[in-house]
PDB file of N, CA and C in Angstrom:
ATOM      1  N   MET A   1       0.713  -0.989  -0.193  1.00  0.00           N
ATOM      2  CA  MET A   1       0.214   0.011   0.057  1.00  0.00           C
ATOM      3  C   MET A   1       0.923   1.070   0.013  1.00  0.00           C
ATOM      4  N   ILE A   2       0.156   1.889  -0.650  1.00  0.00           N
ATOM      5  CA  ILE A   2       1.085   3.334  -0.518  1.00  0.00           C
ATOM      6  C   ILE A   2       0.631   4.637   0.536  1.00  0.00           C
ATOM      7  N   ASP A   3       1.311   5.827   0.516  1.00  0.00           N
ATOM      8  CA  ASP A   3       0.737   6.487   1.826  1.00  0.00           C
ATOM      9  C   ASP A   3       0.767   7.914   1.129  1.00  0.00           C
ATOM     10  N   TYR A   4       0.316   8.539   1.734  1.00  0.00           N
ATOM     11  CA  TYR A   4       0.231  10.013   1.031  1.00  0.00           C
ATOM     12  C   TYR A   4       1.978  10.915   1.175  1.00  0.00           C
ATOM     13  N   ASP A   5       2.316  10.334   1.896  1.00  0.00           N
ATOM     14  CA  ASP A   5       4.139  11.032   2.293  1.00  0.00           C
ATOM     15  C   ASP A   5       5.009  10.338   0.961  1.00  0.00           C
ATOM     16  N   PHE A   6       4.753   9.547   0.583  1.00  0.00           N
ATOM     17  CA  PHE A   6       5.496   8.514  -0.471  1.00  0.00           C
ATOM     18  C   PHE A   6       4.717   9.121  -1.809  1.00  0.00           C
ATOM     19  N   TYR A   7       3.238   9.537  -1.854  1.00  0.00           N
ATOM     20  CA  TYR A   7       2.469  10.143  -3.102  1.00  0.00           C
ATOM     21  C   TYR A   7       3.359  11.714  -3.242  1.00  0.00           C
ATOM     22  N   ILE A   8       3.702  12.474  -2.493  1.00  0.00           N
ATOM     23  CA  ILE A   8       3.920  13.896  -2.326  1.00  0.00           C
ATOM     24  C   ILE A   8       5.464  13.572  -2.803  1.00  0.00           C
ATOM     25  N   ASN A   9       5.987  13.205  -1.856  1.00  0.00           N
ATOM     26  CA  ASN A   9       7.836  13.679  -1.631  1.00  0.00           C
ATOM     27  C   ASN A   9       8.378  12.591  -2.634  1.00  0.00           C
ATOM     28  N   SER A  10       7.629  11.207  -3.121  1.00  0.00           N
ATOM     29  CA  SER A  10       8.401  10.454  -4.097  1.00  0.00           C
ATOM     30  C   SER A  10       7.785  10.527  -5.616  1.00  0.00           C
ATOM     31  N   TYR A  11       6.603  10.642  -5.450  1.00  0.00           N
ATOM     32  CA  TYR A  11       5.939  10.202  -6.534  1.00  0.00           C
ATOM     33  C   TYR A  11       5.835  11.624  -7.125  1.00  0.00           C
ATOM     34  N   LEU A  12       5.705  12.700  -6.429  1.00  0.00           N
ATOM     35  CA  LEU A  12       5.413  14.234  -6.654  1.00  0.00           C
ATOM     36  C   LEU A  12       4.136  14.422  -7.116  1.00  0.00           C
ATOM     37  N   GLY A  13       3.249  13.800  -6.471  1.00  0.00           N
ATOM     38  CA  GLY A  13       2.137  14.005  -7.142  1.00  0.00           C
ATOM     39  C   GLY A  13       1.289  15.388  -6.484  1.00  0.00           C
ATOM     40  N   SER A  14       0.453  15.845  -7.084  1.00  0.00           N
ATOM     41  CA  SER A  14      -0.435  17.348  -6.361  1.00  0.00           C
ATOM     42  C   SER A  14      -1.908  17.096  -6.984  1.00  0.00           C
ATOM     43  N   VAL A  15      -2.488  15.845  -7.604  1.00  0.00           N
ATOM     44  CA  VAL A  15      -3.857  15.975  -7.819  1.00  0.00           C
ATOM     45  C   VAL A  15      -4.992  15.370  -6.815  1.00  0.00           C
ATOM     46  N   ILE A  16      -4.112  14.551  -6.249  1.00  0.00           N
ATOM     47  CA  ILE A  16      -5.403  14.094  -4.979  1.00  0.00           C
ATOM     48  C   ILE A  16      -4.902  14.522  -3.491  1.00  0.00           C
ATOM     49  N   PRO A  17      -5.990  15.143  -2.977  1.00  0.00           N
ATOM     50  CA  PRO A  17      -6.090  15.770  -1.816  1.00  0.00           C
ATOM     51  C   PRO A  17      -5.648  14.772  -0.701  1.00  0.00           C
ATOM     52  N   GLU A  18      -5.335  15.174   0.698  1.00  0.00           N
ATOM     53  CA  GLU A  18      -4.883  14.404   1.095  1.00  0.00           C
ATOM     54  C   GLU A  18      -6.237  13.438   2.093  1.00  0.00           C
ATOM     55  N   LYS A  19      -7.334  14.241   1.919  1.00  0.00           N
ATOM     56  CA  LYS A  19      -8.316  13.646   2.386  1.00  0.00           C
ATOM     57  C   LYS A  19      -9.245  12.776   1.446  1.00  0.00           C
ATOM     58  N   ALA A  20      -8.736  12.616   0.409  1.00  0.00           N
ATOM     59  CA  ALA A  20      -9.357  11.457  -0.414  1.00  0.00           C
ATOM     60  C   ALA A  20      -8.645  10.586  -0.825  1.00  0.00           C
ATOM     61  N   PHE A  21      -6.868  10.694  -0.421  1.00  0.00           N
ATOM     62  CA  PHE A  21      -5.951   9.799  -0.923  1.00  0.00           C
ATOM     63  C   PHE A  21      -6.192   8.267  -0.430  1.00  0.00           C
ATOM     64  N   ASP A  22      -6.802   8.048   1.233  1.00  0.00           N
ATOM     65  CA  ASP A  22      -6.699   6.628   1.553  1.00  0.00           C
ATOM     66  C   ASP A  22      -7.677   5.959   0.377  1.00  0.00           C
ATOM     67  N   THR A  23      -8.876   6.358   0.092  1.00  0.00           N
ATOM     68  CA  THR A  23      -9.873   5.896  -0.594  1.00  0.00           C
ATOM     69  C   THR A  23      -9.489   5.382  -2.007  1.00  0.00           C
ATOM     70  N   VAL A  24      -8.880   6.267  -2.640  1.00  0.00           N
ATOM     71  CA  VAL A  24      -8.687   5.971  -3.892  1.00  0.00           C
ATOM     72  C   VAL A  24      -6.802   5.277  -3.864  1.00  0.00           C
ATOM     73  N   ALA A  25      -6.295   5.385  -2.733  1.00  0.00           N
ATOM     74  CA  ALA A  25      -4.885   4.083  -2.783  1.00  0.00           C
ATOM     75  C   ALA A  25      -5.733   2.827  -2.667  1.00  0.00           C
ATOM     76  N   GLN A  26      -6.722   2.548  -1.611  1.00  0.00           N
ATOM     77  CA  GLN A  26      -6.994   1.614  -1.735  1.00  0.00           C
ATOM     78  C   GLN A  26      -7.922   0.875  -2.720  1.00  0.00           C
ATOM     79  N   GLN A  27      -8.289   1.400  -3.495  1.00  0.00           N
ATOM     80  CA  GLN A  27      -9.068   1.294  -5.014  1.00  0.00           C
ATOM     81  C   GLN A  27      -8.358   1.300  -5.557  1.00  0.00           C
ATOM     82  N   ALA A  28      -6.989   1.805  -5.944  1.00  0.00           N
ATOM     83  CA  ALA A  28      -5.668   1.581  -7.035  1.00  0.00           C
ATOM     84  C   ALA A  28      -5.136   0.205  -6.259  1.00  0.00           C
ATOM     85  N   GLU A  29      -5.026  -0.109  -5.236  1.00  0.00           N
ATOM     86  CA  GLU A  29      -4.706  -1.898  -4.715  1.00  0.00           C
ATOM     87  C   GLU A  29      -5.714  -2.924  -5.549  1.00  0.00           C
ATOM     88  N   ALA A  30      -6.406  -2.485  -5.263  1.00  0.00           N
ATOM     89  CA  ALA A  30      -7.602  -3.374  -5.811  1.00  0.00           C
ATOM     90  C   ALA A  30      -7.503  -3.438  -7.134  1.00  0.00           C
ATOM     91  N   PHE A  31      -7.342  -2.527  -8.002  1.00  0.00           N
ATOM     92  CA  PHE A  31      -7.407  -2.737  -9.651  1.00  0.00           C
ATOM     93  C   PHE A  31      -5.621  -3.065  -9.823  1.00  0.00           C
ATOM     94  N   PHE A  32      -4.869  -2.939  -9.036  1.00  0.00           N
ATOM     95  CA  PHE A  32      -3.524  -3.631  -9.469  1.00  0.00           C
ATOM     96  C   PHE A  32      -3.491  -5.426  -9.192  1.00  0.00           C
ATOM     97  N   GLN A  33      -4.071  -5.542  -8.206  1.00  0.00           N
ATOM     98  CA  GLN A  33      -4.460  -6.978  -7.678  1.00  0.00           C
ATOM     99  C   GLN A  33      -5.205  -7.659  -8.881  1.00  0.00           C
ATOM    100  N   ARG A  34      -6.228  -6.836  -9.516  1.00  0.00           N
ATOM    101  CA  ARG A  34      -6.690  -7.472 -10.617  1.00  0.00           C
ATOM    102  C   ARG A  34      -5.905  -7.715 -11.721  1.00  0.00           C
ATOM    103  N   LEU A  35      -5.228  -6.702 -11.998  1.00  0.00           N
ATOM    104  CA  LEU A  35      -4.020  -6.585 -12.969  1.00  0.00           C
ATOM    105  C   LEU A  35      -3.072  -7.956 -12.948  1.00  0.00           C
ATOM    106  N   ARG A  36      -2.896  -8.527 -12.123  1.00  0.00           N
ATOM    107  CA  ARG A  36      -2.022  -9.413 -11.492  1.00  0.00           C
ATOM    108  C   ARG A  36      -2.649 -10.954 -11.645  1.00  0.00           C
ATOM    109  N   HIS A  37      -3.855 -10.945 -11.760  1.00  0.00           N
ATOM    110  CA  HIS A  37      -4.708 -11.790 -11.835  1.00  0.00           C
ATOM    111  C   HIS A  37      -4.909 -12.421 -13.608  1.00  0.00           C
ATOM    112  N   ARG A  38      -4.722 -11.019 -14.363  1.00  0.00           N
ATOM    113  CA  ARG A  38      -5.317 -11.034 -15.539  1.00  0.00           C
ATOM    114  C   ARG A  38      -4.112 -11.144 -16.350  1.00  0.00           C
ATOM    115  N   TYR A  39      -3.068 -10.694 -16.010  1.00  0.00           N
ATOM    116  CA  TYR A  39      -1.788 -10.344 -16.950  1.00  0.00           C
ATOM    117  C   TYR A  39      -0.614 -10.781 -15.727  1.00  0.00           C
ATOM    118  N   ARG A  40       0.382 -10.893 -16.703  1.00  0.00           N
ATOM    119  CA  ARG A  40       2.163 -10.734 -16.203  1.00  0.00           C
ATOM    120  C   ARG A  40       2.580  -9.523 -15.982  1.00  0.00           C
ATOM    121  N   VAL A  41       2.725  -9.295 -14.764  1.00  0.00           N
ATOM    122  CA  VAL A  41       3.439  -7.960 -14.212  1.00  0.00           C
ATOM    123  C   VAL A  41       4.723  -8.235 -13.955  1.00  0.00           C
ATOM    124  N   LEU A  42       5.655  -7.325 -14.563  1.00  0.00           N
ATOM    125  CA  LEU A  42       7.004  -7.368 -14.066  1.00  0.00           C
ATOM    126  C   LEU A  42       7.454  -5.965 -13.695  1.00  0.00           C
ATOM    127  N   GLU A  43       7.925  -5.912 -12.486  1.00  0.00           N
ATOM    128  CA  GLU A  43       8.146  -4.977 -11.712  1.00  0.00           C
ATOM    129  C   GLU A  43       9.612  -4.945 -12.440  1.00  0.00           C
ATOM    130  N   THR A  44       9.846  -3.260 -12.648  1.00  0.00           N
ATOM    131  CA  THR A  44      11.040  -2.652 -13.481  1.00  0.00           C
ATOM    132  C   THR A  44      11.771  -2.564 -12.270  1.00  0.00           C
ATOM    133  N   ASP A  45      11.623  -1.723 -11.463  1.00  0.00           N
ATOM    134  CA  ASP A  45      12.486  -1.632 -10.173  1.00  0.00           C
ATOM    135  C   ASP A  45      12.105  -1.562  -8.672  1.00  0.00           C
ATOM    136  N   SER A  46      12.506  -1.305  -7.761  1.00  0.00           N
ATOM    137  CA  SER A  46      12.330  -1.739  -6.342  1.00  0.00           C
ATOM    138  C   SER A  46      11.098  -0.758  -6.132  1.00  0.00           C
ATOM    139  N   VAL A  47      10.896   0.035  -6.428  1.00  0.00           N
ATOM    140  CA  VAL A  47       9.867   1.247  -6.372  1.00  0.00           C
ATOM    141  C   VAL A  47       8.438   1.441  -7.283  1.00  0.00           C
ATOM    142  N   SER A  48       8.860   0.694  -8.198  1.00  0.00           N
ATOM    143  CA  SER A  48       7.861   0.826  -9.476  1.00  0.00           C
ATOM    144  C   SER A  48       6.239   0.167  -9.365  1.00  0.00           C
ATOM    145  N   VAL A  49       6.336  -0.685  -8.269  1.00  0.00           N
ATOM    146  CA  VAL A  49       4.362  -0.912  -7.978  1.00  0.00           C
ATOM    147  C   VAL A  49       4.413   0.102  -7.340  1.00  0.00           C
ATOM    148  N   ARG A  50       4.855   1.338  -6.334  1.00  0.00           N
ATOM    149  CA  ARG A  50       4.414   1.737  -5.737  1.00  0.00           C
ATOM    150  C   ARG A  50       4.008   3.509  -6.676  1.00  0.00           C
ATOM    151  N   MET A  51       5.288   3.452  -7.311  1.00  0.00           N
ATOM    152  CA  MET A  51       4.650   4.319  -8.526  1.00  0.00           C
ATOM    153  C   MET A  51       3.584   4.377  -9.196  1.00  0.00           C
ATOM    154  N   ALA A  52       3.853   2.524  -9.613  1.00  0.00           N
ATOM    155  CA  ALA A  52       2.207   2.294 -10.814  1.00  0.00           C
ATOM    156  C   ALA A  52       1.254   2.919  -9.473  1.00  0.00           C
ATOM    157  N   LEU A  53       0.850   2.486  -8.541  1.00  0.00           N
ATOM    158  CA  LEU A  53      -0.019   2.728  -7.612  1.00  0.00           C
ATOM    159  C   LEU A  53      -0.483   3.962  -7.528  1.00  0.00           C
ATOM    160  N   CYS A  54       0.739   4.872  -7.506  1.00  0.00           N
ATOM    161  CA  CYS A  54       0.542   6.356  -7.520  1.00  0.00           C
ATOM    162  C   CYS A  54      -0.506   7.178  -8.703  1.00  0.00           C
ATOM    163  N   ALA A  55      -0.012   6.318  -9.892  1.00  0.00           N
ATOM    164  CA  ALA A  55      -0.345   6.476 -11.174  1.00  0.00           C
ATOM    165  C   ALA A  55      -2.181   6.433 -11.367  1.00  0.00           C
ATOM    166  N   ILE A  56      -2.190   5.176 -10.987  1.00  0.00           N
ATOM    167  CA  ILE A  56      -3.277   4.465 -10.726  1.00  0.00           C
ATOM    168  C   ILE A  56      -4.620   5.433 -10.292  1.00  0.00           C
ATOM    169  N   ALA A  57      -4.025   5.640  -8.996  1.00  0.00           N
ATOM    170  CA  ALA A  57      -4.679   6.204  -8.247  1.00  0.00           C
ATOM    171  C   ALA A  57      -4.785   7.808  -8.489  1.00  0.00           C
ATOM    172  N   GLU A  58      -4.108   8.496  -9.173  1.00  0.00           N
ATOM    173  CA  GLU A  58      -3.988   9.521  -9.526  1.00  0.00           C
ATOM    174  C   GLU A  58      -5.515   9.546 -10.871  1.00  0.00           C
ATOM    175  N   GLU A  59      -5.400   8.472 -11.453  1.00  0.00           N
ATOM    176  CA  GLU A  59      -6.416   8.420 -12.478  1.00  0.00           C
ATOM    177  C   GLU A  59      -7.615   8.382 -12.305  1.00  0.00           C
ATOM    178  N   LEU A  60      -7.908   7.510 -11.104  1.00  0.00           N
ATOM    179  CA  LEU A  60      -8.901   6.841 -10.400  1.00  0.00           C
ATOM    180  C   LEU A  60      -9.827   8.332  -9.595  1.00  0.00           C
ATOM    181  N   TYR A  61      -8.901   9.323  -8.952  1.00  0.00           N
ATOM    182  CA  TYR A  61      -9.132   9.920  -8.469  1.00  0.00           C
ATOM    183  C   TYR A  61      -9.647  11.511  -9.452  1.00  0.00           C
ATOM    184  N   ALA A  62      -8.974  11.274 -10.471  1.00  0.00           N
ATOM    185  CA  ALA A  62      -9.432  12.471 -11.622  1.00  0.00           C
ATOM    186  C   ALA A  62     -10.485  11.658 -12.534  1.00  0.00           C
ATOM    187  N   GLY A  63     -10.764  10.315 -12.524  1.00  0.00           N
ATOM    188  CA  GLY A  63     -11.731   9.617 -12.979  1.00  0.00           C
ATOM    189  C   GLY A  63     -13.283  10.322 -12.149  1.00  0.00           C
ATOM    190  N   THR A  64     -13.195  10.431 -11.406  1.00  0.00           N
ATOM    191  CA  THR A  64     -14.550  10.823 -10.534  1.00  0.00           C
ATOM    192  C   THR A  64     -14.859  12.337 -10.691  1.00  0.00           C
ATOM    193  N   GLN A  65     -14.250  13.228 -11.132  1.00  0.00           N
ATOM    194  CA  GLN A  65     -14.143  14.407 -11.396  1.00  0.00           C
ATOM    195  C   GLN A  65     -14.434  14.896 -12.952  1.00  0.00           C
ATOM    196  N   ARG A  66     -14.469  13.637 -13.448  1.00  0.00           N
ATOM    197  CA  ARG A  66     -14.757  14.186 -14.938  1.00  0.00           C
ATOM    198  C   ARG A  66     -16.004  13.049 -15.862  1.00  0.00           C
ATOM    199  N   ASP A  67     -16.901  13.895 -16.753  1.00  0.00           N
ATOM    200  CA  ASP A  67     -17.857  13.079 -17.255  1.00  0.00           C
ATOM    201  C   ASP A  67     -17.204  11.757 -17.823  1.00  0.00           C
ATOM    202  N   PRO A  68     -18.467  10.768 -17.772  1.00  0.00           N
ATOM    203  CA  PRO A  68     -17.856   9.654 -18.711  1.00  0.00           C
ATOM    204  C   PRO A  68     -17.759   9.696 -20.097  1.00  0.00           C
ATOM    205  N   ALA A  69     -17.068   9.061 -20.516  1.00  0.00           N
ATOM    206  CA  ALA A  69     -16.237   9.272 -21.806  1.00  0.00           C
ATOM    207  C   ALA A  69     -17.307   9.060 -23.221  1.00  0.00           C
ATOM    208  N   VAL A  70     -17.825  10.083 -23.687  1.00  0.00           N
ATOM    209  CA  VAL A  70     -18.502   9.592 -24.988  1.00  0.00           C
ATOM    210  C   VAL A  70     -18.056   8.690 -26.136  1.00  0.00           C
ATOM    211  N   THR A  71     -18.833   7.828 -26.221  1.00  0.00           N
ATOM    212  CA  THR A  71     -18.122   6.547 -27.511  1.00  0.00           C
ATOM    213  C   THR A  71     -19.247   6.884 -28.780  1.00  0.00           C
ATOM    214  N   ALA A  72     -19.714   7.544 -28.854  1.00  0.00           N
ATOM    215  CA  ALA A  72     -20.432   8.056 -30.132  1.00  0.00           C
ATOM    216  C   ALA A  72     -21.383   9.362 -29.969  1.00  0.00           C
ATOM    217  N   ALA A  73     -21.496   9.985 -31.109  1.00  0.00           N
ATOM    218  CA  ALA A  73     -22.459  11.325 -31.572  1.00  0.00           C
ATOM    219  C   ALA A  73     -23.081  11.402 -32.469  1.00  0.00           C
ATOM    220  N   SER A  74     -24.280  12.129 -32.467  1.00  0.00           N
ATOM    221  CA  SER A  74     -25.098  12.596 -33.911  1.00  0.00           C
ATOM    222  C   SER A  74     -25.000  14.044 -34.036  1.00  0.00           C
ATOM    223  N   MET A  75     -25.542  14.482 -35.186  1.00  0.00           N
ATOM    224  CA  MET A  75     -25.823  15.478 -35.702  1.00  0.00           C
ATOM    225  C   MET A  75     -27.233  16.063 -35.843  1.00  0.00           C
ATOM    226  N   GLY A  76     -28.274  14.943 -36.386  1.00  0.00           N
ATOM    227  CA  GLY A  76     -29.347  15.059 -36.706  1.00  0.00           C
ATOM    228  C   GLY A  76     -30.166  14.551 -35.433  1.00  0.00           C
ATOM    229  N   LYS A  77     -31.029  15.523 -34.941  1.00  0.00           N
ATOM    230  CA  LYS A  77     -31.861  14.942 -33.935  1.00  0.00           C
ATOM    231  C   LYS A  77     -30.990  14.459 -32.302  1.00  0.00           C
ATOM    232  N   VAL A  78     -29.562  15.566 -32.619  1.00  0.00           N
ATOM    233  CA  VAL A  78     -28.729  15.039 -31.440  1.00  0.00           C
ATOM    234  C   VAL A  78     -28.824  13.802 -30.500  1.00  0.00           C
ATOM    235  N   SER A  79     -27.910  13.098 -30.953  1.00  0.00           N
ATOM    236  CA  SER A  79     -27.867  11.914 -30.144  1.00  0.00           C
ATOM    237  C   SER A  79     -26.356  11.575 -29.500  1.00  0.00           C
ATOM    238  N   VAL A  80     -26.200  11.418 -28.257  1.00  0.00           N
ATOM    239  CA  VAL A  80     -25.261  10.816 -27.633  1.00  0.00           C
ATOM    240  C   VAL A  80     -24.690   9.648 -26.987  1.00  0.00           C
ATOM    241  N   ARG A  81     -23.814   8.926 -26.876  1.00  0.00           N
ATOM    242  CA  ARG A  81     -23.833   7.686 -26.643  1.00  0.00           C
ATOM    243  C   ARG A  81     -22.246   7.707 -25.192  1.00  0.00           C
ATOM    244  N   TYR A  82     -22.449   7.408 -23.946  1.00  0.00           N
ATOM    245  CA  TYR A  82     -21.547   7.656 -23.327  1.00  0.00           C
ATOM    246  C   TYR A  82     -21.125   5.923 -22.682  1.00  0.00           C
ATOM    247  N   ASP A  83     -19.828   5.986 -22.334  1.00  0.00           N
ATOM    248  CA  ASP A  83     -19.124   4.530 -22.228  1.00  0.00           C
ATOM    249  C   ASP A  83     -19.751   4.116 -21.070  1.00  0.00           C
ATOM    250  N   SER A  84     -20.445   3.023 -20.962  1.00  0.00           N
ATOM    251  CA  SER A  84     -21.176   2.972 -19.354  1.00  0.00           C
ATOM    252  C   SER A  84     -20.767   1.544 -18.852  1.00  0.00           C
ATOM    253  N   SER A  85     -19.747   1.011 -19.584  1.00  0.00           N
ATOM    254  CA  SER A  85     -19.269  -0.340 -19.581  1.00  0.00           C
ATOM    255  C   SER A  85     -18.138  -0.033 -18.402  1.00  0.00           C
ATOM    256  N   GLY A  86     -17.706   1.274 -18.704  1.00  0.00           N
ATOM    257  CA  GLY A  86     -16.236   1.661 -18.211  1.00  0.00           C
ATOM    258  C   GLY A  86     -14.876   1.158 -19.051  1.00  0.00           C
ATOM    259  N   GLY A  87     -15.043   0.606 -19.849  1.00  0.00           N
ATOM    260  CA  GLY A  87     -13.809   0.045 -21.231  1.00  0.00           C
ATOM    261  C   GLY A  87     -13.053   1.067 -21.034  1.00  0.00           C
ATOM    262  N   ALA A  88     -13.410   2.313 -21.498  1.00  0.00           N
ATOM    263  CA  ALA A  88     -12.012   3.333 -21.749  1.00  0.00           C
ATOM    264  C   ALA A  88     -11.541   3.438 -20.439  1.00  0.00           C
ATOM    265  N   PHE A  89     -12.158   3.711 -19.234  1.00  0.00           N
ATOM    266  CA  PHE A  89     -11.199   3.946 -17.993  1.00  0.00           C
ATOM    267  C   PHE A  89     -10.408   2.737 -17.571  1.00  0.00           C
ATOM    268  N   GLN A  90     -11.182   2.042 -17.745  1.00  0.00           N
ATOM    269  CA  GLN A  90      -9.994   0.675 -17.637  1.00  0.00           C
ATOM    270  C   GLN A  90      -8.840   0.394 -18.169  1.00  0.00           C
ATOM    271  N   ARG A  91      -9.214   1.033 -19.523  1.00  0.00           N
ATOM    272  CA  ARG A  91      -7.934   0.968 -20.467  1.00  0.00           C
ATOM    273  C   ARG A  91      -7.037   2.077 -20.121  1.00  0.00           C
ATOM    274  N   ARG A  92      -7.418   3.255 -19.435  1.00  0.00           N
ATOM    275  CA  ARG A  92      -6.955   4.409 -19.130  1.00  0.00           C
ATOM    276  C   ARG A  92      -5.547   3.921 -17.411  1.00  0.00           C
ATOM    277  N   LEU A  93      -6.208   3.280 -17.076  1.00  0.00           N
ATOM    278  CA  LEU A  93      -5.965   2.637 -15.666  1.00  0.00           C
ATOM    279  C   LEU A  93      -4.815   1.942 -16.074  1.00  0.00           C
ATOM    280  N   LEU A  94      -5.099   0.802 -16.860  1.00  0.00           N
ATOM    281  CA  LEU A  94      -4.098   0.015 -17.734  1.00  0.00           C
ATOM    282  C   LEU A  94      -2.434   0.743 -17.877  1.00  0.00           C
ATOM    283  N   GLU A  95      -2.995   1.675 -18.864  1.00  0.00           N
ATOM    284  CA  GLU A  95      -1.745   2.378 -19.730  1.00  0.00           C
ATOM    285  C   GLU A  95      -1.489   3.346 -18.454  1.00  0.00           C
ATOM    286  N   LYS A  96      -1.493   3.507 -17.479  1.00  0.00           N
ATOM    287  CA  LYS A  96      -0.953   4.296 -16.144  1.00  0.00           C
ATOM    288  C   LYS A  96      -0.272   3.409 -15.706  1.00  0.00           C
ATOM    289  N   ALA A  97      -0.364   2.052 -15.430  1.00  0.00           N
ATOM    290  CA  ALA A  97       0.155   0.913 -14.683  1.00  0.00           C
ATOM    291  C   ALA A  97       1.215   0.504 -15.319  1.00  0.00           C
ATOM    292  N   ARG A  98       1.338   0.759 -16.949  1.00  0.00           N
ATOM    293  CA  ARG A  98       2.206   0.400 -17.843  1.00  0.00           C
ATOM    294  C   ARG A  98       3.503   1.508 -18.002  1.00  0.00           C
ATOM    295  N   ILE A  99       3.142   2.749 -17.415  1.00  0.00           N
ATOM    296  CA  ILE A  99       4.544   3.417 -17.198  1.00  0.00           C
ATOM    297  C   ILE A  99       5.604   2.867 -16.883  1.00  0.00           C
ATOM    298  N   TYR A 100       5.117   2.398 -15.622  1.00  0.00           N
ATOM    299  CA  TYR A 100       5.767   1.785 -14.715  1.00  0.00           C
ATOM    300  C   TYR A 100       5.910   0.228 -14.433  1.00  0.00           C
ATOM    301  N   LEU A 101       5.744  -0.140 -14.894  1.00  0.00           N
ATOM    302  CA  LEU A 101       5.452  -1.799 -15.043  1.00  0.00           C
ATOM    303  C   LEU A 101       5.442  -2.361 -16.153  1.00  0.00           C
ATOM    304  N   ASP A 102       6.154  -3.281 -16.498  1.00  0.00           N
ATOM    305  CA  ASP A 102       5.750  -4.232 -17.631  1.00  0.00           C
ATOM    306  C   ASP A 102       5.104  -5.198 -17.839  1.00  0.00           C
ATOM    307  N   ILE A 103       3.588  -4.889 -18.236  1.00  0.00           N
ATOM    308  CA  ILE A 103       2.763  -5.870 -18.398  1.00  0.00           C
ATOM    309  C   ILE A 103       2.468  -6.779 -19.690  1.00  0.00           C
ATOM    310  N   TYR A 104       2.238  -7.847 -19.613  1.00  0.00           N
ATOM    311  CA  TYR A 104       1.738  -8.902 -21.075  1.00  0.00           C
ATOM    312  C   TYR A 104       0.760  -9.675 -20.588  1.00  0.00           C
ATOM    313  N   ARG A 105      -0.024 -10.132 -21.728  1.00  0.00           N
ATOM    314  CA  ARG A 105      -1.078 -10.879 -21.700  1.00  0.00           C
ATOM    315  C   ARG A 105       0.026 -12.465 -22.554  1.00  0.00           C
ATOM    316  N   GLY A 106      -0.524 -13.072 -21.634  1.00  0.00           N
ATOM    317  CA  GLY A 106      -0.078 -14.672 -21.772  1.00  0.00           C
ATOM    318  C   GLY A 106       1.555 -14.770 -22.154  1.00  0.00           C
ATOM    319  N   ALA A 107       2.238 -15.590 -22.852  1.00  0.00           N
ATOM    320  CA  ALA A 107       3.729 -15.742 -22.351  1.00  0.00           C
ATOM    321  C   ALA A 107       4.342 -14.656 -23.373  1.00  0.00           C
ATOM    322  N   THR A 108       5.630 -14.127 -22.500  1.00  0.00           N
ATOM    323  CA  THR A 108       6.383 -13.615 -23.104  1.00  0.00           C
ATOM    324  C   THR A 108       7.748 -13.816 -23.647  1.00  0.00           C
ATOM    325  N   ALA A 109       8.272 -13.308 -24.284  1.00  0.00           N
ATOM    326  CA  ALA A 109       9.698 -13.724 -24.850  1.00  0.00           C
ATOM    327  C   ALA A 109      10.905 -13.838 -24.126  1.00  0.00           C
TER     328      ALA A 109
END
């Protein structure tokens, strides 16, 4: 688990306020555990997991602050479709983790 001191002083984060940190850090940890069940996750150095957890936590926090992703739009009779599955959001979380970790699906070479 990461703490706010690591987030501020090592990761150099500034997005998540201290009062919200424990909640999103716990959610980041849960997402990371799901990644480990679905993918082969290789740490690149001794702090890579904690850095990835901070990046995931920031994206989780930012995701609560924005509208859902638009997946389709029309002009005539105005129609908009939002991503209700969370697929785009899950991909953003995975990409944040990939900044710090080597993540593979299936066998690696």
